[in-house]
N, C-alpha and C. Protein backbone atom coordinates (compact mmCIF):
# COMPACT_ATOMS: atom_id res chain seq x y z
N MET A 1 0.75 -1.54 0.14
CA MET A 1 0.03 0.07 -0.29
C MET A 1 1.23 1.27 -0.02
N GLU A 2 2.24 0.77 0.74
CA GLU A 2 3.01 1.66 0.59
C GLU A 2 3.39 2.55 -0.36
N GLU A 3 3.33 1.16 -1.17
CA GLU A 3 4.18 1.64 -3.03
C GLU A 3 2.96 2.67 -3.51
N ILE A 4 2.01 1.45 -3.57
CA ILE A 4 1.05 2.74 -4.12
C ILE A 4 1.13 4.36 -3.86
N VAL A 5 1.04 4.35 -2.68
CA VAL A 5 1.32 6.00 -2.01
C VAL A 5 2.61 6.91 -2.81
N LYS A 6 3.65 6.38 -2.55
CA LYS A 6 5.00 6.32 -3.23
C LYS A 6 4.44 6.94 -5.05
N GLN A 7 3.95 5.50 -5.68
CA GLN A 7 3.97 5.48 -6.36
C GLN A 7 3.06 6.97 -7.04
N ALA A 8 2.25 6.82 -6.45
CA ALA A 8 1.34 8.60 -6.64
C ALA A 8 2.26 9.80 -7.18
N ASP A 9 3.42 9.40 -5.45
CA ASP A 9 3.67 10.85 -4.80
C ASP A 9 4.82 11.27 -6.25
N LEU A 10 5.20 9.79 -7.37
CA LEU A 10 6.75 9.78 -8.21
C LEU A 10 5.32 10.85 -9.53
N LEU A 11 4.20 10.40 -9.29
CA LEU A 11 3.69 10.91 -10.49
C LEU A 11 3.50 12.06 -10.50
N GLY A 12 3.87 12.57 -9.50
CA GLY A 12 2.58 13.53 -9.42
C GLY A 12 1.46 14.36 -9.20
N TYR A 13 1.13 13.76 -8.77
CA TYR A 13 -0.74 13.33 -8.67
C TYR A 13 -0.76 14.44 -7.73
N ARG A 14 -1.64 15.05 -7.26
CA ARG A 14 -2.18 15.76 -5.91
C ARG A 14 -3.81 15.92 -6.20
N GLY A 15 -4.10 16.46 -5.08
CA GLY A 15 -5.65 16.98 -4.92
C GLY A 15 -6.63 15.83 -5.38
N GLU A 16 -7.20 15.67 -6.31
CA GLU A 16 -8.71 15.14 -7.15
C GLU A 16 -8.07 13.69 -7.76
N LYS A 17 -7.07 14.29 -8.11
CA LYS A 17 -6.39 13.87 -9.12
C LYS A 17 -6.27 12.23 -8.69
N ARG A 18 -4.86 12.56 -7.46
CA ARG A 18 -4.31 12.00 -6.39
C ARG A 18 -5.26 10.87 -6.20
N GLU A 19 -6.78 11.40 -5.50
CA GLU A 19 -7.20 10.55 -4.66
C GLU A 19 -8.23 9.55 -5.35
N GLU A 20 -8.35 9.84 -6.90
CA GLU A 20 -8.91 9.20 -8.13
C GLU A 20 -7.93 7.60 -8.15
N TYR A 21 -6.93 8.53 -8.24
CA TYR A 21 -5.46 7.26 -8.32
C TYR A 21 -5.25 6.44 -7.12
N LEU A 22 -4.99 6.91 -6.00
CA LEU A 22 -4.69 5.76 -5.32
C LEU A 22 -6.52 5.21 -4.38
N LYS A 23 -7.96 5.36 -5.36
CA LYS A 23 -8.69 4.45 -4.65
C LYS A 23 -9.00 3.72 -6.39
N GLN A 24 -8.09 3.80 -7.13
CA GLN A 24 -7.77 2.69 -8.31
C GLN A 24 -7.14 1.66 -7.99
N GLU A 25 -6.48 2.53 -7.68
CA GLU A 25 -5.04 1.30 -7.70
C GLU A 25 -4.99 0.35 -6.13
N PHE A 26 -6.09 0.94 -5.01
CA PHE A 26 -6.47 0.07 -4.26
C PHE A 26 -7.79 -0.86 -4.01
N LYS A 27 -8.46 -0.85 -5.28
CA LYS A 27 -10.01 -1.22 -6.10
C LYS A 27 -9.07 -2.51 -6.60
N LEU A 28 -7.97 -1.78 -7.69
CA LEU A 28 -7.03 -4.06 -7.86
C LEU A 28 -6.39 -4.09 -6.82
N LEU A 29 -5.47 -3.86 -5.95
CA LEU A 29 -4.80 -4.62 -4.85
C LEU A 29 -6.06 -5.64 -4.65
N ALA A 30 -7.09 -5.06 -4.22
CA ALA A 30 -8.18 -5.70 -3.29
C ALA A 30 -8.47 -7.07 -4.29
N GLU A 31 -8.83 -6.83 -4.79
CA GLU A 31 -9.14 -7.58 -6.36
C GLU A 31 -8.28 -8.96 -6.55
N SER A 32 -7.33 -8.27 -6.36
CA SER A 32 -6.19 -9.14 -7.38
C SER A 32 -6.26 -10.31 -5.92
N GLN A 33 -5.68 -9.54 -4.55
CA GLN A 33 -5.84 -10.39 -3.22
C GLN A 33 -7.07 -11.52 -2.57
N ALA A 34 -8.51 -10.64 -3.67
CA ALA A 34 -9.52 -11.79 -3.35
C ALA A 34 -9.21 -12.86 -4.43
N ARG A 35 -8.60 -12.43 -5.31
CA ARG A 35 -8.20 -13.51 -6.33
C ARG A 35 -7.64 -14.29 -6.02
N GLU A 36 -6.54 -13.86 -5.80
CA GLU A 36 -5.44 -14.80 -4.99
C GLU A 36 -5.97 -15.35 -3.64
N LYS A 37 -7.23 -14.92 -3.25
CA LYS A 37 -7.07 -15.93 -2.03
C LYS A 37 -8.54 -16.92 -2.25
N LYS A 38 -9.70 -16.49 -3.69
CA LYS A 38 -10.00 -17.88 -4.08
C LYS A 38 -9.52 -19.20 -4.14
N GLU A 39 -8.46 -18.37 -5.34
CA GLU A 39 -7.50 -19.37 -5.66
C GLU A 39 -6.63 -20.57 -4.82
N GLU A 40 -6.27 -19.95 -4.13
CA GLU A 40 -5.54 -21.19 -3.32
C GLU A 40 -6.39 -21.48 -1.83
N ALA A 41 -7.96 -20.99 -1.55
CA ALA A 41 -8.82 -22.16 -1.81
C ALA A 41 -9.44 -22.96 -2.66
N GLU A 42 -9.29 -22.30 -3.66
CA GLU A 42 -9.40 -23.67 -4.61
C GLU A 42 -8.41 -24.23 -4.59
N ARG A 43 -7.63 -24.99 -4.74
CA ARG A 43 -5.99 -25.55 -4.55
C ARG A 43 -6.49 -26.29 -3.15
N ARG A 44 -6.92 -25.48 -2.08
CA ARG A 44 -6.64 -26.31 -0.98
C ARG A 44 -8.41 -27.79 -1.04
N GLU A 45 -8.99 -27.31 -1.58
CA GLU A 45 -10.33 -28.07 -2.03
C GLU A 45 -9.92 -29.34 -2.86
N ARG A 46 -9.14 -28.64 -3.34
CA ARG A 46 -8.55 -29.77 -5.24
C ARG A 46 -7.94 -30.83 -4.45
N LYS A 47 -6.53 -30.43 -3.30
CA LYS A 47 -5.93 -30.73 -3.06
C LYS A 47 -6.47 -31.71 -1.91
N GLU A 48 -7.57 -31.30 -0.93
CA GLU A 48 -8.83 -31.85 0.41
C GLU A 48 -9.02 -33.41 -0.68
N GLU A 49 -9.79 -33.62 -1.83
CA GLU A 49 -10.78 -34.36 -2.63
C GLU A 49 -10.26 -35.17 -3.32
N ALA A 50 -8.22 -34.62 -3.74
CA ALA A 50 -7.36 -35.76 -4.57
C ALA A 50 -7.29 -36.37 -2.94
N ASP A 51 -6.68 -35.93 -1.76
CA ASP A 51 -6.03 -36.88 -0.32
C ASP A 51 -7.42 -37.64 -0.19
N ARG A 52 -9.11 -37.13 -0.07
CA ARG A 52 -9.74 -38.31 -0.08
C ARG A 52 -10.02 -39.37 -1.00
N LYS A 53 -10.24 -38.71 -2.36
CA LYS A 53 -9.90 -40.27 -3.14
C LYS A 53 -8.66 -41.15 -2.25
N GLU A 54 -7.61 -40.79 -2.48
CA GLU A 54 -7.00 -41.53 -1.97
C GLU A 54 -6.71 -42.65 -0.93
N ARG A 55 -7.09 -41.96 -0.24
CA ARG A 55 -8.14 -42.77 0.85
C ARG A 55 -8.57 -44.03 0.62
N LEU A 56 -9.85 -42.82 -0.42
CA LEU A 56 -11.08 -44.51 -0.38
C LEU A 56 -10.08 -44.86 -1.08
N GLU A 57 -9.11 -45.05 -1.70
CA GLU A 57 -8.63 -46.35 -3.16
C GLU A 57 -8.03 -46.34 -2.05
N LEU A 58 -7.10 -46.74 -1.29
CA LEU A 58 -6.37 -47.28 -0.23
C LEU A 58 -7.49 -48.54 0.20
N GLU A 59 -7.77 -47.93 0.72
CA GLU A 59 -9.44 -48.78 1.81
C GLU A 59 -9.95 -49.61 0.94
N LYS A 60 -10.47 -49.05 -0.24
CA LYS A 60 -10.71 -50.54 -1.30
C LYS A 60 -9.68 -51.09 -1.70
N MET A 61 -8.39 -51.08 -1.39
CA MET A 61 -7.22 -51.77 -2.01
C MET A 61 -7.12 -52.76 -0.54
N LYS A 62 -7.12 -52.42 0.32
CA LYS A 62 -7.21 -52.81 2.02
C LYS A 62 -7.85 -54.08 1.61
N LEU A 63 -9.39 -53.72 1.55
CA LEU A 63 -10.55 -54.71 1.46
C LEU A 63 -10.46 -55.73 0.55
N ASP A 64 -10.79 -55.31 -0.22
CA ASP A 64 -10.21 -56.34 -1.40
C ASP A 64 -8.88 -57.50 -1.05
N ALA A 65 -7.84 -57.49 -0.65
CA ALA A 65 -6.93 -58.00 -0.29
C ALA A 65 -7.86 -58.83 1.13
N GLU A 66 -8.98 -58.39 1.64
CA GLU A 66 -9.10 -58.82 3.26
C GLU A 66 -9.73 -59.39 2.35
N MET A 67 -10.73 -59.30 1.35
CA MET A 67 -11.58 -60.38 0.41
C MET A 67 -10.73 -61.97 -0.23
N LYS A 68 -9.69 -61.48 -1.05
CA LYS A 68 -9.02 -62.18 -1.24
C LYS A 68 -8.08 -63.80 -0.56
N LEU A 69 -7.52 -63.02 0.62
CA LEU A 69 -7.12 -63.48 1.66
C LEU A 69 -8.35 -65.14 2.24
N LEU A 70 -9.94 -63.64 2.60
CA LEU A 70 -10.79 -64.23 3.09
C LEU A 70 -11.35 -65.81 1.51
N GLN A 71 -11.23 -65.36 0.52
CA GLN A 71 -11.92 -66.62 -0.80
C GLN A 71 -10.38 -67.46 0.09
N ALA A 72 -9.15 -67.34 -0.06
CA ALA A 72 -8.14 -68.52 -0.36
C ALA A 72 -8.02 -69.58 0.76
N LYS A 73 -8.76 -68.38 1.81
CA LYS A 73 -9.16 -69.18 3.09
C LYS A 73 -9.80 -70.62 3.17
N ILE A 74 -11.32 -69.68 2.92
CA ILE A 74 -12.45 -70.78 2.23
C ILE A 74 -11.67 -71.56 1.35
N GLU A 75 -11.36 -71.40 0.22
CA GLU A 75 -10.11 -72.32 -0.59
C GLU A 75 -9.92 -73.41 -0.03
N ALA A 76 -8.90 -72.89 0.36
CA ALA A 76 -7.89 -73.99 0.92
C ALA A 76 -9.09 -74.73 2.65
N GLY A 77 -10.21 -74.39 2.80
CA GLY A 77 -11.08 -75.53 3.48
C GLY A 77 -9.90 -74.52 5.60
N ILE A 78 -10.05 -73.66 5.59
CA ILE A 78 -9.46 -73.01 6.93
C ILE A 78 -10.13 -72.59 7.33
N ILE A 79 -11.40 -72.11 6.80
CA ILE A 79 -12.67 -71.15 6.99
C ILE A 79 -13.79 -72.25 6.20
N LYS A 80 -14.65 -72.23 6.79
CA LYS A 80 -15.56 -73.24 6.01
C LYS A 80 -16.99 -72.19 5.83
N ASN A 81 -17.49 -72.35 4.46
CA ASN A 81 -18.45 -71.28 3.67
C ASN A 81 -19.54 -71.95 4.65
N GLU A 82 -20.25 -71.65 5.46
CA GLU A 82 -21.62 -71.74 5.69
C GLU A 82 -22.86 -70.95 4.92
N PRO A 83 -23.86 -72.41 5.19
CA PRO A 83 -24.90 -71.64 4.15
C PRO A 83 -25.23 -69.75 4.56
N ASP A 84 -25.33 -69.58 6.03
CA ASP A 84 -25.95 -68.69 6.69
C ASP A 84 -25.31 -67.82 6.84
N GLY A 85 -24.43 -67.65 5.87
CA GLY A 85 -23.06 -67.04 6.38
C GLY A 85 -22.71 -67.30 7.24
N SER A 86 -22.32 -67.57 8.38
CA SER A 86 -21.45 -67.76 9.56
C SER A 86 -20.27 -68.44 9.58
N GLY A 87 -19.02 -68.15 8.56
CA GLY A 87 -18.05 -68.89 8.66
C GLY A 87 -17.13 -68.95 9.52
N VAL A 88 -16.86 -70.77 9.79
CA VAL A 88 -16.63 -71.35 10.84
C VAL A 88 -15.00 -71.57 10.83
N ARG A 89 -14.56 -71.64 11.18
CA ARG A 89 -12.73 -72.30 11.05
C ARG A 89 -12.96 -73.19 11.44
N SER A 90 -12.30 -74.41 10.09
CA SER A 90 -12.52 -75.58 10.58
C SER A 90 -12.02 -76.36 11.91
N SER A 91 -10.63 -75.48 12.34
CA SER A 91 -9.90 -75.60 12.91
C SER A 91 -10.53 -75.39 14.53
N ASP A 92 -11.91 -74.98 14.59
CA ASP A 92 -12.63 -74.47 15.53
C ASP A 92 -13.72 -75.72 15.24
N ALA A 93 -14.21 -76.46 14.83
CA ALA A 93 -15.68 -76.88 14.70
C ALA A 93 -15.35 -77.91 15.77
N GLY A 94 -14.85 -78.30 16.23
CA GLY A 94 -15.46 -79.40 17.83
C GLY A 94 -14.73 -79.08 18.51
N ALA A 95 -13.71 -77.50 19.12
CA ALA A 95 -13.15 -77.67 20.01
C ALA A 95 -14.01 -76.67 20.97
N LYS A 96 -14.15 -76.76 22.09
CA LYS A 96 -14.14 -76.66 23.76
C LYS A 96 -14.04 -75.11 23.94
N HIS A 97 -15.16 -74.46 24.64
CA HIS A 97 -14.87 -74.13 25.92
C HIS A 97 -13.90 -73.30 26.05
N PRO A 98 -12.84 -72.87 26.14
CA PRO A 98 -11.64 -72.77 26.88
C PRO A 98 -11.40 -73.22 29.07
N LYS A 99 -12.23 -71.95 28.83
CA LYS A 99 -12.81 -71.22 30.12
C LYS A 99 -13.94 -72.77 31.01
N LEU A 100 -14.72 -73.62 30.03
CA LEU A 100 -15.68 -74.64 30.44
C LEU A 100 -15.54 -75.72 30.23
N PRO A 101 -15.79 -76.08 31.80
CA PRO A 101 -14.73 -78.09 32.16
C PRO A 101 -15.34 -79.05 30.96
N ASN A 102 -14.46 -79.62 29.98
CA ASN A 102 -14.93 -80.27 29.40
C ASN A 102 -15.83 -81.95 29.68
N PHE A 103 -16.56 -82.35 29.55
CA PHE A 103 -17.06 -83.54 30.50
C PHE A 103 -17.27 -84.41 29.19
C-alpha cells in the first residue's frame, strides 16, 4: 500500500487526481488479493478432494486384499463357507470353550 502512495507521489498526482488514482489502485489491489485468496481456497479444496480419493482407493485396496485372503482361506478349507454366512473355522469346529470344563 505504501508503494501505491509512493507511486502517486512519483507521478506527481495532487488533489482530486491523486485521490482518484489511489482509489483505483487500492481497488485493483483488493481485487487481486481476493482473487489470490479464492485461488488458494480452490487449490486447497482440490488437494483435499485428491487426498479423500486416495484414502478411499487405499481403503478399497485393503478391503479387496482382505476379501481375497478370506476367499483363499475358504478354498484352502481353513474357513468353511456356511450357508447362513457365518464362516466357521474348521480348526474351531469341534473345539471346546477354553474356560468350560470338558465333560
